[in-house]
C-alpha atoms as a PDB file:
ATOM      1  CA  MET A   1      92.376 107.218 184.954  1.00  0.00           C
ATOM      2  CA  SER A   2      92.068 106.399 188.655  1.00  0.00           C
ATOM      3  CA  PRO A   3      91.175 102.867 189.565  1.00  0.00           C
ATOM      4  CA  ARG A   4      88.400 104.504 191.655  1.00  0.00           C
ATOM      5  CA  ASP A   5      86.905 106.249 188.752  1.00  0.00           C
ATOM      6  CA  PRO A   6      83.194 105.595 188.734  1.00  0.00           C
ATOM      7  CA  HIS A   7      83.024 105.036 184.981  1.00  0.00           C
ATOM      8  CA  LEU A   8      85.903 102.634 185.013  1.00  0.00           C
ATOM      9  CA  GLN A   9      84.265 100.725 187.843  1.00  0.00           C
ATOM     10  CA  ALA A  10      80.983 100.474 185.836  1.00  0.00           C
ATOM     11  CA  SER A  11      82.942  99.308 182.719  1.00  0.00           C
ATOM     12  CA  GLN A  12      84.679  96.666 184.757  1.00  0.00           C
ATOM     13  CA  ARG A  13      81.273  95.422 186.117  1.00  0.00           C
ATOM     14  CA  ALA A  14      80.104  95.180 182.561  1.00  0.00           C
ATOM     15  CA  ARG A  15      83.059  93.246 181.532  1.00  0.00           C
ATOM     16  CA  ASP A  16      82.728  90.787 184.343  1.00  0.00           C
ATOM     17  CA  SER A  17      79.060  90.325 183.623  1.00  0.00           C
ATOM     18  CA  ALA A  18      79.827  89.661 179.896  1.00  0.00           C
ATOM     19  CA  ARG A  19      82.165  86.924 180.846  1.00  0.00           C
ATOM     20  CA  LEU A  20      79.532  85.303 183.040  1.00  0.00           C
ATOM     21  CA  VAL A  21      76.992  85.452 180.148  1.00  0.00           C
ATOM     22  CA  LEU A  22      79.725  83.761 177.866  1.00  0.00           C
ATOM     23  CA  ARG A  23      79.804  80.911 180.290  1.00  0.00           C
ATOM     24  CA  GLY A  24      75.969  80.700 180.087  1.00  0.00           C
ATOM     25  CA  ILE A  25      76.240  80.425 176.226  1.00  0.00           C
ATOM     26  CA  ALA A  26      78.704  77.571 176.549  1.00  0.00           C
ATOM     27  CA  LEU A  27      76.444  75.798 179.072  1.00  0.00           C
ATOM     28  CA  ASN A  28      73.421  76.197 176.694  1.00  0.00           C
ATOM     29  CA  ALA A  29      75.366  74.825 173.731  1.00  0.00           C
ATOM     30  CA  LEU A  30      76.336  71.713 175.569  1.00  0.00           C
ATOM     31  CA  LEU A  31      72.875  71.032 177.040  1.00  0.00           C
ATOM     32  CA  ALA A  32      71.224  71.652 173.707  1.00  0.00           C
ATOM     33  CA  ALA A  33      73.218  68.922 172.099  1.00  0.00           C
ATOM     34  CA  VAL A  34      72.500  66.459 174.951  1.00  0.00           C
ATOM     35  CA  LYS A  35      68.799  67.290 175.146  1.00  0.00           C
ATOM     36  CA  PHE A  36      68.271  66.863 171.252  1.00  0.00           C
ATOM     37  CA  ALA A  37      70.126  63.431 171.258  1.00  0.00           C
ATOM     38  CA  ALA A  38      68.138  62.224 174.272  1.00  0.00           C
ATOM     39  CA  GLY A  39      64.877  63.618 172.723  1.00  0.00           C
ATOM     40  CA  VAL A  40      65.353  61.774 169.422  1.00  0.00           C
ATOM     41  CA  PHE A  41      66.489  58.429 170.837  1.00  0.00           C
ATOM     42  CA  GLY A  42      64.294  58.469 173.974  1.00  0.00           C
ATOM     43  CA  HIS A  43      61.092  59.397 172.010  1.00  0.00           C
ATOM     44  CA  THR A  44      60.064  62.572 173.958  1.00  0.00           C
ATOM     45  CA  TYR A  45      59.217  65.666 172.166  1.00  0.00           C
ATOM     46  CA  ALA A  46      59.601  67.724 175.404  1.00  0.00           C
ATOM     47  CA  LEU A  47      63.245  67.166 175.234  1.00  0.00           C
ATOM     48  CA  ILE A  48      63.613  68.051 171.538  1.00  0.00           C
ATOM     49  CA  ALA A  49      61.654  71.352 172.239  1.00  0.00           C
ATOM     50  CA  ASP A  50      63.860  72.002 175.126  1.00  0.00           C
ATOM     51  CA  ALA A  51      66.873  71.528 172.954  1.00  0.00           C
ATOM     52  CA  ALA A  52      65.537  73.973 170.367  1.00  0.00           C
ATOM     53  CA  GLU A  53      64.798  76.466 173.181  1.00  0.00           C
ATOM     54  CA  SER A  54      68.459  76.153 174.288  1.00  0.00           C
ATOM     55  CA  MET A  55      69.663  76.908 170.836  1.00  0.00           C
ATOM     56  CA  LEU A  56      67.529  80.147 170.895  1.00  0.00           C
ATOM     57  CA  ASP A  57      68.791  80.895 174.293  1.00  0.00           C
ATOM     58  CA  ILE A  58      72.211  81.195 172.810  1.00  0.00           C
ATOM     59  CA  LEU A  59      70.976  83.884 170.520  1.00  0.00           C
ATOM     60  CA  SER A  60      69.330  85.823 173.285  1.00  0.00           C
ATOM     61  CA  SER A  61      72.439  85.422 175.556  1.00  0.00           C
ATOM     62  CA  THR A  62      74.553  86.708 172.607  1.00  0.00           C
ATOM     63  CA  LEU A  63      72.359  89.762 172.645  1.00  0.00           C
ATOM     64  CA  VAL A  64      72.969  90.328 176.386  1.00  0.00           C
ATOM     65  CA  TRP A  65      76.722  89.743 175.883  1.00  0.00           C
ATOM     66  CA  ALA A  66      76.722  92.399 173.134  1.00  0.00           C
ATOM     67  CA  GLY A  67      74.700  94.747 175.440  1.00  0.00           C
ATOM     68  CA  PHE A  68      77.293  94.582 178.191  1.00  0.00           C
ATOM     69  CA  ARG A  69      80.237  94.923 175.755  1.00  0.00           C
ATOM     70  CA  VAL A  70      78.632  98.235 174.511  1.00  0.00           C
ATOM     71  CA  ALA A  71      77.755  99.321 178.176  1.00  0.00           C
ATOM     72  CA  ALA A  72      81.481  98.795 179.135  1.00  0.00           C
ATOM     73  CA  GLN A  73      82.471 101.506 176.736  1.00  0.00           C
ATOM     74  CA  PRO A  74      83.360 104.826 178.454  1.00  0.00           C
ATOM     75  CA  PRO A  75      81.463 108.152 177.831  1.00  0.00           C
ATOM     76  CA  ASP A  76      82.320 109.900 174.589  1.00  0.00           C
ATOM     77  CA  ALA A  77      81.323 113.021 172.813  1.00  0.00           C
ATOM     78  CA  ASN A  78      78.049 111.479 171.418  1.00  0.00           C
ATOM     79  CA  HIS A  79      77.225 109.658 174.622  1.00  0.00           C
ATOM     80  CA  PRO A  80      78.354 111.911 177.550  1.00  0.00           C
ATOM     81  CA  TYR A  81      76.449 109.929 180.240  1.00  0.00           C
ATOM     82  CA  GLY A  82      78.009 106.678 178.927  1.00  0.00           C
ATOM     83  CA  HIS A  83      76.617 103.650 177.142  1.00  0.00           C
ATOM     84  CA  GLY A  84      74.798 102.021 180.127  1.00  0.00           C
ATOM     85  CA  LYS A  85      71.377 101.989 178.419  1.00  0.00           C
ATOM     86  CA  ALA A  86      72.659  99.215 176.275  1.00  0.00           C
ATOM     87  CA  GLU A  87      72.289  96.814 179.216  1.00  0.00           C
ATOM     88  CA  PRO A  88      68.596  97.195 179.878  1.00  0.00           C
ATOM     89  CA  LEU A  89      67.825  97.402 176.101  1.00  0.00           C
ATOM     90  CA  ALA A  90      69.462  93.990 175.957  1.00  0.00           C
ATOM     91  CA  GLY A  91      67.376  92.704 178.706  1.00  0.00           C
ATOM     92  CA  LEU A  92      64.200  94.171 177.092  1.00  0.00           C
ATOM     93  CA  ALA A  93      64.969  92.237 173.918  1.00  0.00           C
ATOM     94  CA  VAL A  94      65.572  89.011 175.913  1.00  0.00           C
ATOM     95  CA  SER A  95      62.328  89.429 177.743  1.00  0.00           C
ATOM     96  CA  LEU A  96      60.485  89.590 174.365  1.00  0.00           C
ATOM     97  CA  ILE A  97      62.301  86.400 173.225  1.00  0.00           C
ATOM     98  CA  ILE A  98      61.090  84.663 176.450  1.00  0.00           C
ATOM     99  CA  PHE A  99      57.638  85.532 175.424  1.00  0.00           C
ATOM    100  CA  GLY A 100      58.091  84.232 171.863  1.00  0.00           C
ATOM    101  CA  LEU A 101      59.692  80.957 173.216  1.00  0.00           C
ATOM    102  CA  ALA A 102      56.867  80.337 175.711  1.00  0.00           C
ATOM    103  CA  GLY A 103      54.362  80.847 172.889  1.00  0.00           C
ATOM    104  CA  TRP A 104      56.148  78.585 170.521  1.00  0.00           C
ATOM    105  CA  VAL A 105      56.695  75.803 172.990  1.00  0.00           C
ATOM    106  CA  ALA A 106      53.043  76.025 173.978  1.00  0.00           C
ATOM    107  CA  SER A 107      51.916  75.620 170.255  1.00  0.00           C
ATOM    108  CA  GLN A 108      54.139  72.737 169.778  1.00  0.00           C
ATOM    109  CA  ALA A 109      53.001  71.087 172.940  1.00  0.00           C
ATOM    110  CA  VAL A 110      49.345  71.512 171.874  1.00  0.00           C
ATOM    111  CA  HIS A 111      50.407  69.825 168.488  1.00  0.00           C
ATOM    112  CA  GLU A 112      51.883  66.859 170.218  1.00  0.00           C
ATOM    113  CA  ILE A 113      48.896  66.541 172.505  1.00  0.00           C
ATOM    114  CA  VAL A 114      46.405  65.951 169.588  1.00  0.00           C
ATOM    115  CA  THR A 115      48.996  63.816 167.588  1.00  0.00           C
ATOM    116  CA  PRO A 116      49.508  60.166 168.672  1.00  0.00           C
ATOM    117  CA  HIS A 117      53.133  59.441 169.390  1.00  0.00           C
ATOM    118  CA  GLN A 118      55.267  56.804 171.087  1.00  0.00           C
ATOM    119  CA  GLY A 119      55.822  57.115 174.860  1.00  0.00           C
ATOM    120  CA  PRO A 120      59.140  58.399 176.405  1.00  0.00           C
ATOM    121  CA  ALA A 121      62.118  56.164 177.466  1.00  0.00           C
ATOM    122  CA  TRP A 122      62.707  55.984 181.216  1.00  0.00           C
ATOM    123  CA  TRP A 123      66.426  57.012 180.882  1.00  0.00           C
ATOM    124  CA  THR A 124      65.315  60.494 179.635  1.00  0.00           C
ATOM    125  CA  LEU A 125      64.530  61.130 183.329  1.00  0.00           C
ATOM    126  CA  VAL A 126      68.275  60.947 184.083  1.00  0.00           C
ATOM    127  CA  VAL A 127      69.067  63.479 181.322  1.00  0.00           C
ATOM    128  CA  LEU A 128      66.433  65.869 182.599  1.00  0.00           C
ATOM    129  CA  ALA A 129      67.509  65.655 186.191  1.00  0.00           C
ATOM    130  CA  GLY A 130      71.047  66.638 185.106  1.00  0.00           C
ATOM    131  CA  VAL A 131      69.615  69.488 183.069  1.00  0.00           C
ATOM    132  CA  ILE A 132      67.540  70.807 186.031  1.00  0.00           C
ATOM    133  CA  VAL A 133      70.475  70.717 188.435  1.00  0.00           C
ATOM    134  CA  ALA A 134      72.865  72.502 186.028  1.00  0.00           C
ATOM    135  CA  LYS A 135      70.186  75.137 185.024  1.00  0.00           C
ATOM    136  CA  THR A 136      69.068  75.786 188.579  1.00  0.00           C
ATOM    137  CA  TRP A 137      72.650  76.242 189.743  1.00  0.00           C
ATOM    138  CA  PHE A 138      73.627  78.644 186.966  1.00  0.00           C
ATOM    139  CA  SER A 139      70.443  80.533 187.477  1.00  0.00           C
ATOM    140  CA  ARG A 140      71.132  81.211 191.120  1.00  0.00           C
ATOM    141  CA  ARG A 141      74.635  82.093 190.266  1.00  0.00           C
ATOM    142  CA  MET A 142      73.624  84.634 187.718  1.00  0.00           C
ATOM    143  CA  GLY A 143      70.950  86.010 189.832  1.00  0.00           C
ATOM    144  CA  MET A 144      73.239  86.720 192.620  1.00  0.00           C
ATOM    145  CA  ALA A 145      75.679  88.325 190.312  1.00  0.00           C
ATOM    146  CA  GLY A 146      72.850  90.516 188.940  1.00  0.00           C
ATOM    147  CA  GLU A 147      71.914  91.678 192.319  1.00  0.00           C
ATOM    148  CA  GLU A 148      75.406  92.343 193.267  1.00  0.00           C
ATOM    149  CA  VAL A 149      76.116  94.696 190.337  1.00  0.00           C
ATOM    150  CA  GLY A 150      72.486  95.962 189.958  1.00  0.00           C
ATOM    151  CA  SER A 151      72.068  94.507 186.388  1.00  0.00           C
ATOM    152  CA  THR A 152      68.523  94.107 184.978  1.00  0.00           C
ATOM    153  CA  ALA A 153      69.922  92.124 182.034  1.00  0.00           C
ATOM    154  CA  LEU A 154      71.647  89.574 184.303  1.00  0.00           C
ATOM    155  CA  GLY A 155      68.509  89.284 186.355  1.00  0.00           C
ATOM    156  CA  ILE A 156      66.488  88.503 183.173  1.00  0.00           C
ATOM    157  CA  GLU A 157      69.264  85.968 181.995  1.00  0.00           C
ATOM    158  CA  ALA A 158      68.924  84.316 185.399  1.00  0.00           C
ATOM    159  CA  LEU A 159      65.052  84.088 184.864  1.00  0.00           C
ATOM    160  CA  HIS A 160      65.818  82.620 181.380  1.00  0.00           C
ATOM    161  CA  HIS A 161      67.952  79.897 182.854  1.00  0.00           C
ATOM    162  CA  TRP A 162      65.335  79.285 185.632  1.00  0.00           C
ATOM    163  CA  SER A 163      62.677  78.987 182.923  1.00  0.00           C
ATOM    164  CA  ASP A 164      64.710  76.315 181.264  1.00  0.00           C
ATOM    165  CA  ALA A 165      64.886  74.459 184.559  1.00  0.00           C
ATOM    166  CA  MET A 166      61.145  74.852 184.902  1.00  0.00           C
ATOM    167  CA  THR A 167      60.327  73.517 181.589  1.00  0.00           C
ATOM    168  CA  SER A 168      62.744  70.548 182.144  1.00  0.00           C
ATOM    169  CA  GLY A 169      61.107  69.946 185.458  1.00  0.00           C
ATOM    170  CA  ALA A 170      57.677  70.017 183.993  1.00  0.00           C
ATOM    171  CA  ALA A 171      58.957  67.419 181.370  1.00  0.00           C
ATOM    172  CA  PHE A 172      60.365  65.315 184.141  1.00  0.00           C
ATOM    173  CA  VAL A 173      56.975  65.140 186.028  1.00  0.00           C
ATOM    174  CA  GLY A 174      55.180  64.525 182.765  1.00  0.00           C
ATOM    175  CA  ILE A 175      57.490  61.709 181.725  1.00  0.00           C
ATOM    176  CA  CYS A 176      57.130  60.126 185.194  1.00  0.00           C
ATOM    177  CA  ILE A 177      53.287  60.226 184.764  1.00  0.00           C
ATOM    178  CA  ALA A 178      53.534  58.801 181.233  1.00  0.00           C
ATOM    179  CA  LEU A 179      55.686  55.866 182.354  1.00  0.00           C
ATOM    180  CA  TRP A 180      53.657  55.216 185.424  1.00  0.00           C
ATOM    181  CA  GLY A 181      50.416  55.515 183.466  1.00  0.00           C
ATOM    182  CA  GLY A 182      51.494  53.470 180.489  1.00  0.00           C
ATOM    183  CA  PRO A 183      49.612  53.331 177.208  1.00  0.00           C
ATOM    184  CA  GLY A 184      47.194  56.235 176.793  1.00  0.00           C
ATOM    185  CA  TRP A 185      49.406  58.553 178.965  1.00  0.00           C
ATOM    186  CA  GLU A 186      52.029  59.437 176.353  1.00  0.00           C
ATOM    187  CA  THR A 187      50.941  63.032 176.242  1.00  0.00           C
ATOM    188  CA  ALA A 188      51.477  63.763 179.951  1.00  0.00           C
ATOM    189  CA  ASP A 189      54.954  65.401 179.331  1.00  0.00           C
ATOM    190  CA  ASP A 190      53.302  67.750 176.635  1.00  0.00           C
ATOM    191  CA  TRP A 191      50.662  68.812 179.046  1.00  0.00           C
ATOM    192  CA  ALA A 192      53.311  69.482 181.676  1.00  0.00           C
ATOM    193  CA  ALA A 193      55.340  71.534 179.175  1.00  0.00           C
ATOM    194  CA  LEU A 194      52.125  73.578 178.354  1.00  0.00           C
ATOM    195  CA  PHE A 195      51.488  74.279 181.928  1.00  0.00           C
ATOM    196  CA  ALA A 196      55.171  75.475 182.547  1.00  0.00           C
ATOM    197  CA  CYS A 197      54.725  77.984 179.448  1.00  0.00           C
ATOM    198  CA  GLY A 198      52.097  79.955 181.360  1.00  0.00           C
ATOM    199  CA  ILE A 199      54.361  80.326 184.361  1.00  0.00           C
ATOM    200  CA  ILE A 200      57.361  81.288 182.158  1.00  0.00           C
ATOM    201  CA  ALA A 201      55.213  84.002 180.379  1.00  0.00           C
ATOM    202  CA  PHE A 202      54.007  85.408 183.613  1.00  0.00           C
ATOM    203  CA  ASN A 203      57.607  85.758 185.056  1.00  0.00           C
ATOM    204  CA  GLY A 204      58.767  87.144 181.716  1.00  0.00           C
ATOM    205  CA  PHE A 205      56.134  89.846 181.809  1.00  0.00           C
ATOM    206  CA  GLY A 206      57.625  90.887 185.211  1.00  0.00           C
ATOM    207  CA  MET A 207      61.188  91.181 183.809  1.00  0.00           C
ATOM    208  CA  PHE A 208      59.922  92.938 180.816  1.00  0.00           C
ATOM    209  CA  THR A 209      58.371  95.754 182.928  1.00  0.00           C
ATOM    210  CA  GLN A 210      61.541  95.968 184.986  1.00  0.00           C
ATOM    211  CA  ALA A 211      63.632  96.437 181.806  1.00  0.00           C
ATOM    212  CA  LEU A 212      61.152  98.822 180.350  1.00  0.00           C
ATOM    213  CA  GLY A 213      61.402 100.782 183.660  1.00  0.00           C
ATOM    214  CA  ASP A 214      65.198 101.230 183.345  1.00  0.00           C
ATOM    215  CA  VAL A 215      64.897 102.356 179.715  1.00  0.00           C
ATOM    216  CA  MET A 216      62.262 104.843 180.660  1.00  0.00           C
ATOM    217  CA  ASP A 217      64.228 106.307 183.616  1.00  0.00           C
ATOM    218  CA  THR A 218      61.839 105.218 186.287  1.00  0.00           C
ATOM    219  CA  ALA A 219      62.481 106.756 189.603  1.00  0.00           C
ATOM    220  CA  VAL A 220      64.652 104.801 192.117  1.00  0.00           C
ATOM    221  CA  SER A 221      63.061 103.380 195.285  1.00  0.00           C
ATOM    222  CA  LYS A 222      62.242 105.632 198.222  1.00  0.00           C
ATOM    223  CA  ASN A 223      64.768 103.642 200.463  1.00  0.00           C
ATOM    224  CA  PHE A 224      67.528 104.422 197.908  1.00  0.00           C
ATOM    225  CA  GLU A 225      66.612 108.142 197.704  1.00  0.00           C
ATOM    226  CA  ASN A 226      66.550 108.371 201.516  1.00  0.00           C
ATOM    227  CA  GLU A 227      69.940 106.867 201.688  1.00  0.00           C
ATOM    228  CA  LEU A 228      71.306 109.418 199.180  1.00  0.00           C
ATOM    229  CA  ARG A 229      69.793 112.233 201.140  1.00  0.00           C
ATOM    230  CA  SER A 230      71.297 110.976 204.344  1.00  0.00           C
ATOM    231  CA  VAL A 231      74.770 110.874 202.849  1.00  0.00           C
ATOM    232  CA  ALA A 232      74.464 114.466 201.271  1.00  0.00           C
ATOM    233  CA  LEU A 233      73.028 115.920 204.601  1.00  0.00           C
ATOM    234  CA  ALA A 234      76.103 114.440 206.454  1.00  0.00           C
ATOM    235  CA  VAL A 235      78.576 116.670 204.486  1.00  0.00           C
ATOM    236  CA  PRO A 236      79.824 119.593 206.468  1.00  0.00           C
ATOM    237  CA  GLY A 237      78.264 122.967 205.197  1.00  0.00           C
ATOM    238  CA  VAL A 238      74.998 121.311 203.893  1.00  0.00           C
ATOM    239  CA  GLN A 239      72.112 122.779 205.827  1.00  0.00           C
ATOM    240  CA  ALA A 240      69.191 121.361 203.865  1.00  0.00           C
ATOM    241  CA  LEU A 241      68.206 119.525 200.675  1.00  0.00           C
ATOM    242  CA  ASP A 242      65.497 120.454 198.049  1.00  0.00           C
ATOM    243  CA  LYS A 243      65.149 118.371 194.930  1.00  0.00           C
ATOM    244  CA  LEU A 244      66.872 114.971 194.441  1.00  0.00           C
ATOM    245  CA  ARG A 245      66.503 112.907 191.324  1.00  0.00           C
ATOM    246  CA  ALA A 246      68.273 109.720 190.594  1.00  0.00           C
ATOM    247  CA  ARG A 247      67.924 107.354 187.628  1.00  0.00           C
ATOM    248  CA  LYS A 248      69.467 103.979 186.791  1.00  0.00           C
ATOM    249  CA  SER A 249      71.792 103.963 183.653  1.00  0.00           C
ATOM    250  CA  GLY A 250      72.965 100.385 182.958  1.00  0.00           C
ATOM    251  CA  LEU A 251      75.030  99.244 185.995  1.00  0.00           C
ATOM    252  CA  SER A 252      75.243 102.684 187.728  1.00  0.00           C
ATOM    253  CA  HIS A 253      73.150 105.589 188.673  1.00  0.00           C
ATOM    254  CA  LEU A 254      73.000 109.259 187.749  1.00  0.00           C
ATOM    255  CA  VAL A 255      72.059 111.752 190.414  1.00  0.00           C
ATOM    256  CA  ASP A 256      70.847 115.391 190.289  1.00  0.00           C
ATOM    257  CA  ILE A 257      70.663 117.051 193.805  1.00  0.00           C
ATOM    258  CA  GLN A 258      69.766 120.534 195.019  1.00  0.00           C
ATOM    259  CA  VAL A 259      71.727 121.524 198.118  1.00  0.00           C
ATOM    260  CA  ARG A 260      71.125 124.589 200.368  1.00  0.00           C
ATOM    261  CA  VAL A 261      74.087 126.196 202.155  1.00  0.00           C
ATOM    262  CA  ASP A 262      74.785 129.407 204.024  1.00  0.00           C
ATOM    263  CA  GLY A 263      74.082 132.259 201.676  1.00  0.00           C
ATOM    264  CA  ARG A 264      76.970 134.328 203.031  1.00  0.00           C
ATOM    265  CA  LEU A 265      79.589 131.839 201.722  1.00  0.00           C
ATOM    266  CA  THR A 266      81.755 132.835 198.870  1.00  0.00           C
ATOM    267  CA  VAL A 267      81.362 131.080 195.498  1.00  0.00           C
ATOM    268  CA  ARG A 268      84.558 129.193 196.056  1.00  0.00           C
ATOM    269  CA  GLU A 269      83.307 127.879 199.408  1.00  0.00           C
ATOM    270  CA  GLY A 270      80.063 126.827 197.861  1.00  0.00           C
ATOM    271  CA  HIS A 271      81.800 125.140 195.161  1.00  0.00           C
ATOM    272  CA  ALA A 272      83.911 123.229 197.556  1.00  0.00           C
ATOM    273  CA  ILE A 273      80.830 122.055 199.319  1.00  0.00           C
ATOM    274  CA  ALA A 274      79.341 120.875 196.059  1.00  0.00           C
ATOM    275  CA  HIS A 275      82.371 118.854 195.289  1.00  0.00           C
ATOM    276  CA  ALA A 276      82.210 117.363 198.766  1.00  0.00           C
ATOM    277  CA  VAL A 277      78.665 116.285 198.238  1.00  0.00           C
ATOM    278  CA  LYS A 278      79.561 114.664 194.810  1.00  0.00           C
ATOM    279  CA  ASP A 279      82.514 112.803 196.300  1.00  0.00           C
ATOM    280  CA  ALA A 280      80.541 111.571 199.257  1.00  0.00           C
ATOM    281  CA  LEU A 281      77.610 110.156 196.990  1.00  0.00           C
ATOM    282  CA  ILE A 282      79.997 108.517 194.588  1.00  0.00           C
ATOM    283  CA  GLY A 283      82.245 107.073 197.220  1.00  0.00           C
ATOM    284  CA  SER A 284      79.771 105.772 199.751  1.00  0.00           C
ATOM    285  CA  SER A 285      76.869 104.246 197.773  1.00  0.00           C
ATOM    286  CA  VAL A 286      77.053 100.535 197.133  1.00  0.00           C
ATOM    287  CA  HIS A 287      74.560 100.991 194.250  1.00  0.00           C
ATOM    288  CA  GLY A 288      77.289 102.326 191.992  1.00  0.00           C
ATOM    289  CA  ILE A 289      76.911 106.144 191.267  1.00  0.00           C
ATOM    290  CA  SER A 290      78.857 107.141 188.336  1.00  0.00           C
ATOM    291  CA  ASP A 291      77.950 110.829 188.093  1.00  0.00           C
ATOM    292  CA  VAL A 292      76.372 113.596 190.265  1.00  0.00           C
ATOM    293  CA  THR A 293      75.203 117.046 189.466  1.00  0.00           C
ATOM    294  CA  VAL A 294      75.025 119.301 192.481  1.00  0.00           C
ATOM    295  CA  HIS A 295      73.107 122.685 192.331  1.00  0.00           C
ATOM    296  CA  ILE A 296      73.852 125.131 195.157  1.00  0.00           C
ATOM    297  CA  GLU A 297      71.108 127.307 196.725  1.00  0.00           C
ATOM    298  CA  PRO A 298      71.230 129.730 199.516  1.00  0.00           C
ATOM    299  CA  ALA A 299      69.542 128.616 202.706  1.00  0.00           C
ATOM    300  CA  GLN A 300      66.352 130.466 203.568  1.00  0.00           C
ATOM    301  CA  GLU A 301      66.653 133.038 206.329  1.00  0.00           C
END
């Protein structure tokens, strides 16, 4: 198989993405242990809940990793278009987990608000600051990787890490208020966590609709379609275009296009133009096109 083979390139992108997700799993495991210990000894439920969320993040990241491993498999007899749909399906599952986590943390925050408890220790702010920096950095790195390869699942994972940074940031603000306010302000970090849950759920809904759109074969953007049309029209022998349909399949796109050529051409000549259109679309697009179906029609007299 040629190194320029589009299916091979999509598989390589999936494997690279899977390795990045594994690094995220390792980061979550480390931070979960640190946050749980700090929460217990520092008397702050916000950190304990954050640690429990990190443990569940490991499960959701494992789902994304498994999705990329499946998406990396080449087309076969049962899946002639490849296994790319495993990637948005994994992203869909993770977005649902984000909803569940937001609801669970919110319910626990409400429980802590109505239950008297000891105020947090000042040094928990140091732990939270480190968590915020680590999570924000990794979220940005994963988000950039997702944009580079066109991965919905990586984008959702980036949101997941950013959500962790946000809940930790809310806890940081809440603990600062609790320490500054003194007795009677012990629940400030719980109120902050409750506020963050609403923002997380809102962003989770946006990522859910994006993943659902990929699963349901939502049409590509008009700009992307116009780019494909420009490339096809630049192929010698192409006189006009009729229909063009493109859909996202994992980390690549599948395209169906109807091309009009001179009706006096031979079948062999028309076939050569169709191949040239396919090669041009696969070779020039930065969005990763793995397959193109070209239908030839005679130009109208």
